[in-house]
Amino acid sequence: MSLPTQALRYLLRTPGQWRHVPRWVASARADYLLSHRCPWLTFDSIDFLDHTVGAGWKVLEYGSGGSTLYWGVRGCTCVSVEHDSAWFATLDRKVASSTMLDRRLVPPGPPGSAPVTADPADPEHYVSFGSEFLGRSFESYARQADAFPDGYFDLVLVDGRARPSCIKHAVPKVRLGGWMVLDNSDRDYYFTKTGSWLSGFVATHFPGLGPINPDPWRTTVMQRVR
């Protein structure tokens, strides 16, 4: 598999990313993320998690997939929130029954459950960017974190729908010293109206190549310091 032009241009500007090319090429194989139990995050952020996540950690993830399997391999307990019933069923065939995994299928509300003028950047609006979700509320989805005590989770991954709303509900559930991982953090609107919730976190950005995608993107890992 050859590198696309846009990836080559990026690598010429960012030579430190060349080390990830073999992994990127391998990721083009069918079912890579699930068969390799790999999160769909940038490679540098995955490497960071490899050296940070510990056995016995309690994880909440918005958006399921290779990450769901990754937490299991690392000995974590995981609450996995997914909105897509078809993808939920696909993953069901890959995930062994385990008391360490709590999978929750929480689809959005029906059309008309949210105003069509709602702002995806506003955590109070509970909507997701994308025409297929216009006028549909993700409030129940984002509120899955509310079932747990404050400071309960060692790590929260926000990689699903209505991410600003998920940030709002997940922040108090992260323990002091714990972590929040936000994928596609190069989308500025995730931060436009979430600053007050994220003020107690210190962010480290991991831009670069990741599995499958020909274009680089950014994953941000944030540690709660207060």
Protein backbone atom coordinates (compact mmCIF):
# COMPACT_ATOMS: atom_id res chain seq x y z
CA MET A 1 0.00 0.00 0.00
CA SER A 2 1.44 3.38 -1.01
CA LEU A 3 1.13 6.53 1.04
CA PRO A 4 -1.35 9.07 -0.33
CA THR A 5 0.01 12.42 -1.44
CA GLN A 6 -1.40 14.33 1.51
CA ALA A 7 0.23 11.91 3.96
CA LEU A 8 3.60 12.23 2.21
CA ARG A 9 3.41 16.01 2.35
CA TYR A 10 2.66 15.85 6.06
CA LEU A 11 5.54 13.45 6.72
CA LEU A 12 7.98 15.70 4.89
CA ARG A 13 6.95 18.54 7.23
CA THR A 14 6.90 16.31 10.32
CA PRO A 15 9.71 13.76 10.03
CA GLY A 16 9.14 12.42 13.54
CA GLN A 17 5.98 10.74 12.29
CA TRP A 18 7.81 8.45 9.85
CA ARG A 19 8.20 5.84 12.58
CA HIS A 20 4.44 5.26 12.48
CA VAL A 21 4.27 4.46 8.75
CA PRO A 22 4.53 0.65 9.18
CA ARG A 23 1.63 0.74 11.65
CA TRP A 24 -0.37 2.96 9.35
CA VAL A 25 0.19 0.61 6.39
CA ALA A 26 -0.82 -2.38 8.52
CA SER A 27 -4.00 -0.60 9.60
CA ALA A 28 -5.36 -0.74 6.05
CA ARG A 29 -6.13 -4.42 6.56
CA ALA A 30 -9.78 -5.29 7.01
CA ASP A 31 -11.03 -5.29 10.61
CA TYR A 32 -7.68 -3.95 11.86
CA LEU A 33 -8.97 -2.02 14.87
CA LEU A 34 -10.92 -4.92 16.30
CA SER A 35 -8.48 -7.70 15.41
CA HIS A 36 -5.58 -5.72 16.91
CA ARG A 37 -7.62 -4.36 19.84
CA CYS A 38 -6.51 -0.88 18.85
CA PRO A 39 -8.19 2.43 19.73
CA TRP A 40 -8.88 4.74 16.80
CA LEU A 41 -6.65 7.48 18.16
CA THR A 42 -3.39 8.98 16.95
CA PHE A 43 -0.44 6.62 17.31
CA ASP A 44 1.43 8.91 19.70
CA SER A 45 -1.57 9.06 22.03
CA ILE A 46 -1.90 5.26 21.92
CA ASP A 47 1.77 4.96 22.87
CA PHE A 48 1.15 7.34 25.77
CA LEU A 49 -1.79 5.26 26.98
CA ASP A 50 0.29 2.08 26.68
CA HIS A 51 2.67 3.51 29.29
CA THR A 52 0.01 5.10 31.49
CA VAL A 53 -3.08 2.92 31.78
CA GLY A 54 -2.91 0.40 34.61
CA ALA A 55 -4.62 -2.89 35.37
CA GLY A 56 -7.70 -2.42 37.49
CA TRP A 57 -8.45 1.05 36.14
CA LYS A 58 -12.08 2.05 35.77
CA VAL A 59 -12.78 3.47 32.31
CA LEU A 60 -15.79 5.17 30.77
CA GLU A 61 -15.85 5.46 26.99
CA TYR A 62 -18.25 7.32 24.74
CA GLY A 63 -17.96 5.49 21.42
CA SER A 64 -17.05 1.81 21.26
CA GLY A 65 -14.79 -0.28 19.03
CA GLY A 66 -11.14 -1.21 19.16
CA SER A 67 -10.81 0.85 22.32
CA THR A 68 -13.35 -1.39 24.08
CA LEU A 69 -11.13 -4.39 23.44
CA TYR A 70 -8.00 -2.40 24.30
CA TRP A 71 -9.20 -1.66 27.84
CA GLY A 72 -9.95 -5.35 28.36
CA VAL A 73 -6.47 -6.41 27.27
CA ARG A 74 -5.01 -3.95 29.75
CA GLY A 75 -7.06 -5.35 32.62
CA CYS A 76 -9.42 -2.40 32.99
CA THR A 77 -13.10 -2.42 33.81
CA CYS A 78 -15.03 -0.47 31.19
CA VAL A 79 -18.41 1.18 30.81
CA SER A 80 -18.91 1.55 27.07
CA VAL A 81 -21.62 3.85 25.69
CA GLU A 82 -22.62 3.40 22.04
CA HIS A 83 -25.37 5.07 19.99
CA ASP A 84 -25.34 2.90 16.84
CA SER A 85 -27.29 -0.36 17.13
CA ALA A 86 -25.69 -1.95 14.04
CA TRP A 87 -22.17 -1.24 15.27
CA PHE A 88 -23.16 -2.41 18.76
CA ALA A 89 -24.24 -5.75 17.25
CA THR A 90 -21.03 -6.02 15.21
CA LEU A 91 -18.92 -5.49 18.31
CA ASP A 92 -21.08 -7.96 20.21
CA ARG A 93 -19.55 -10.72 18.09
CA LYS A 94 -16.04 -9.61 19.07
CA VAL A 95 -16.47 -9.01 22.79
CA ALA A 96 -16.43 -11.93 25.17
CA SER A 97 -18.90 -11.87 28.04
CA SER A 98 -17.17 -10.31 31.01
CA THR A 99 -18.07 -8.79 34.36
CA MET A 100 -15.38 -6.19 33.58
CA LEU A 101 -17.36 -4.75 30.65
CA ASP A 102 -20.65 -2.87 30.93
CA ARG A 103 -21.92 -2.16 27.40
CA ARG A 104 -24.75 0.33 26.96
CA LEU A 105 -26.65 0.97 23.74
CA VAL A 106 -28.12 4.47 24.03
CA PRO A 107 -29.48 5.74 20.70
CA PRO A 108 -30.38 9.40 20.23
CA GLY A 109 -33.90 10.59 20.79
CA PRO A 110 -36.36 10.64 17.89
CA PRO A 111 -36.51 13.48 15.36
CA GLY A 112 -37.89 16.53 17.12
CA SER A 113 -36.35 15.66 20.50
CA ALA A 114 -33.94 18.59 20.07
CA PRO A 115 -34.31 21.93 18.28
CA VAL A 116 -32.92 21.90 14.76
CA THR A 117 -31.18 25.18 15.63
CA ALA A 118 -29.33 23.67 18.60
CA ASP A 119 -25.58 24.32 18.72
CA PRO A 120 -23.32 21.20 18.74
CA ALA A 121 -20.64 23.25 20.53
CA ASP A 122 -22.93 23.99 23.49
CA PRO A 123 -22.81 21.28 26.18
CA GLU A 124 -26.32 22.27 27.27
CA HIS A 125 -27.85 21.45 23.88
CA TYR A 126 -27.00 17.71 23.68
CA VAL A 127 -26.77 17.53 19.91
CA SER A 128 -24.25 16.07 17.50
CA PHE A 129 -22.83 17.58 14.35
CA GLY A 130 -24.11 15.87 11.21
CA SER A 131 -27.25 16.14 9.13
CA GLU A 132 -28.35 12.60 10.01
CA PHE A 133 -28.71 13.68 13.64
CA LEU A 134 -30.44 17.00 13.04
CA GLY A 135 -33.14 17.57 15.65
CA ARG A 136 -32.20 14.48 17.70
CA SER A 137 -31.15 14.72 21.34
CA PHE A 138 -28.20 12.86 22.85
CA GLU A 139 -29.04 13.87 26.41
CA SER A 140 -29.64 10.33 27.67
CA TYR A 141 -26.39 9.25 25.98
CA ALA A 142 -24.30 11.99 27.60
CA ARG A 143 -25.94 11.48 31.00
CA GLN A 144 -24.74 7.88 31.31
CA ALA A 145 -21.87 9.24 33.41
CA ASP A 146 -24.36 10.54 35.98
CA ALA A 147 -24.98 7.03 37.31
CA PHE A 148 -21.52 6.99 38.90
CA PRO A 149 -20.08 8.83 41.91
CA ASP A 150 -17.84 11.83 41.42
CA GLY A 151 -14.20 10.83 41.04
CA TYR A 152 -15.14 7.25 40.14
CA PHE A 153 -13.25 6.81 36.86
CA ASP A 154 -9.51 6.69 36.28
CA LEU A 155 -10.01 7.55 32.62
CA VAL A 156 -12.79 8.78 30.35
CA LEU A 157 -12.54 8.53 26.56
CA VAL A 158 -14.75 10.98 24.65
CA ASP A 159 -14.87 9.66 21.10
CA GLY A 160 -18.56 9.42 20.30
CA ARG A 161 -21.45 11.82 19.74
CA ALA A 162 -22.33 15.18 21.35
CA ARG A 163 -18.82 15.40 22.73
CA PRO A 164 -19.12 18.79 24.46
CA SER A 165 -22.13 17.44 26.37
CA CYS A 166 -20.24 14.25 27.24
CA ILE A 167 -17.36 16.37 28.54
CA LYS A 168 -19.75 18.29 30.79
CA HIS A 169 -21.13 15.13 32.40
CA ALA A 170 -17.86 13.20 32.53
CA VAL A 171 -15.59 15.83 34.08
CA PRO A 172 -16.76 15.42 37.70
CA LYS A 173 -16.51 11.65 37.38
CA VAL A 174 -12.75 11.72 36.70
CA ARG A 175 -10.66 11.22 39.82
CA LEU A 176 -8.00 13.72 40.83
CA GLY A 177 -4.92 12.69 38.88
CA GLY A 178 -7.08 10.79 36.41
CA TRP A 179 -7.39 11.35 32.69
CA MET A 180 -9.78 12.45 29.98
CA VAL A 181 -8.98 11.59 26.36
CA LEU A 182 -10.66 13.65 23.63
CA ASP A 183 -10.24 12.46 20.08
CA ASN A 184 -10.39 14.72 17.01
CA SER A 185 -9.52 17.61 19.28
CA ASP A 186 -8.41 19.63 16.26
CA ARG A 187 -12.14 20.37 15.87
CA ASP A 188 -12.09 23.70 17.68
CA TYR A 189 -15.78 23.71 18.53
CA TYR A 190 -15.22 20.97 21.13
CA PHE A 191 -13.47 23.60 23.26
CA THR A 192 -15.50 26.71 22.43
CA LYS A 193 -17.93 26.34 25.33
CA THR A 194 -16.36 23.67 27.54
CA GLY A 195 -13.58 25.76 29.07
CA SER A 196 -15.25 26.10 32.45
CA TRP A 197 -15.54 22.32 32.78
CA LEU A 198 -11.98 21.64 31.60
CA SER A 199 -10.31 24.34 33.70
CA GLY A 200 -9.07 21.76 36.20
CA PHE A 201 -7.24 19.72 33.55
CA VAL A 202 -3.79 20.04 31.99
CA ALA A 203 -3.79 19.07 28.32
CA THR A 204 -1.17 17.31 26.21
CA HIS A 205 -1.87 17.28 22.48
CA PHE A 206 -0.85 14.37 20.25
CA PRO A 207 -1.20 15.41 16.60
CA GLY A 208 -0.11 13.05 13.86
CA LEU A 209 -0.88 9.84 12.05
CA GLY A 210 -3.27 7.22 13.35
CA PRO A 211 -4.84 4.02 12.06
CA ILE A 212 -6.62 3.93 8.69
CA ASN A 213 -7.02 7.67 7.99
CA PRO A 214 -4.81 9.14 5.23
CA ASP A 215 -4.89 12.55 6.91
CA PRO A 216 -3.32 13.34 10.28
CA TRP A 217 -5.51 14.49 13.16
CA ARG A 218 -5.13 15.22 16.87
CA THR A 219 -5.95 13.39 20.08
CA THR A 220 -5.71 15.31 23.35
CA VAL A 221 -5.00 13.68 26.72
CA MET A 222 -5.93 15.77 29.75
CA GLN A 223 -4.99 15.08 33.36
CA ARG A 224 -7.16 16.34 36.20
CA VAL A 225 -5.01 18.39 38.55
CA ARG A 226 -7.75 20.00 40.66
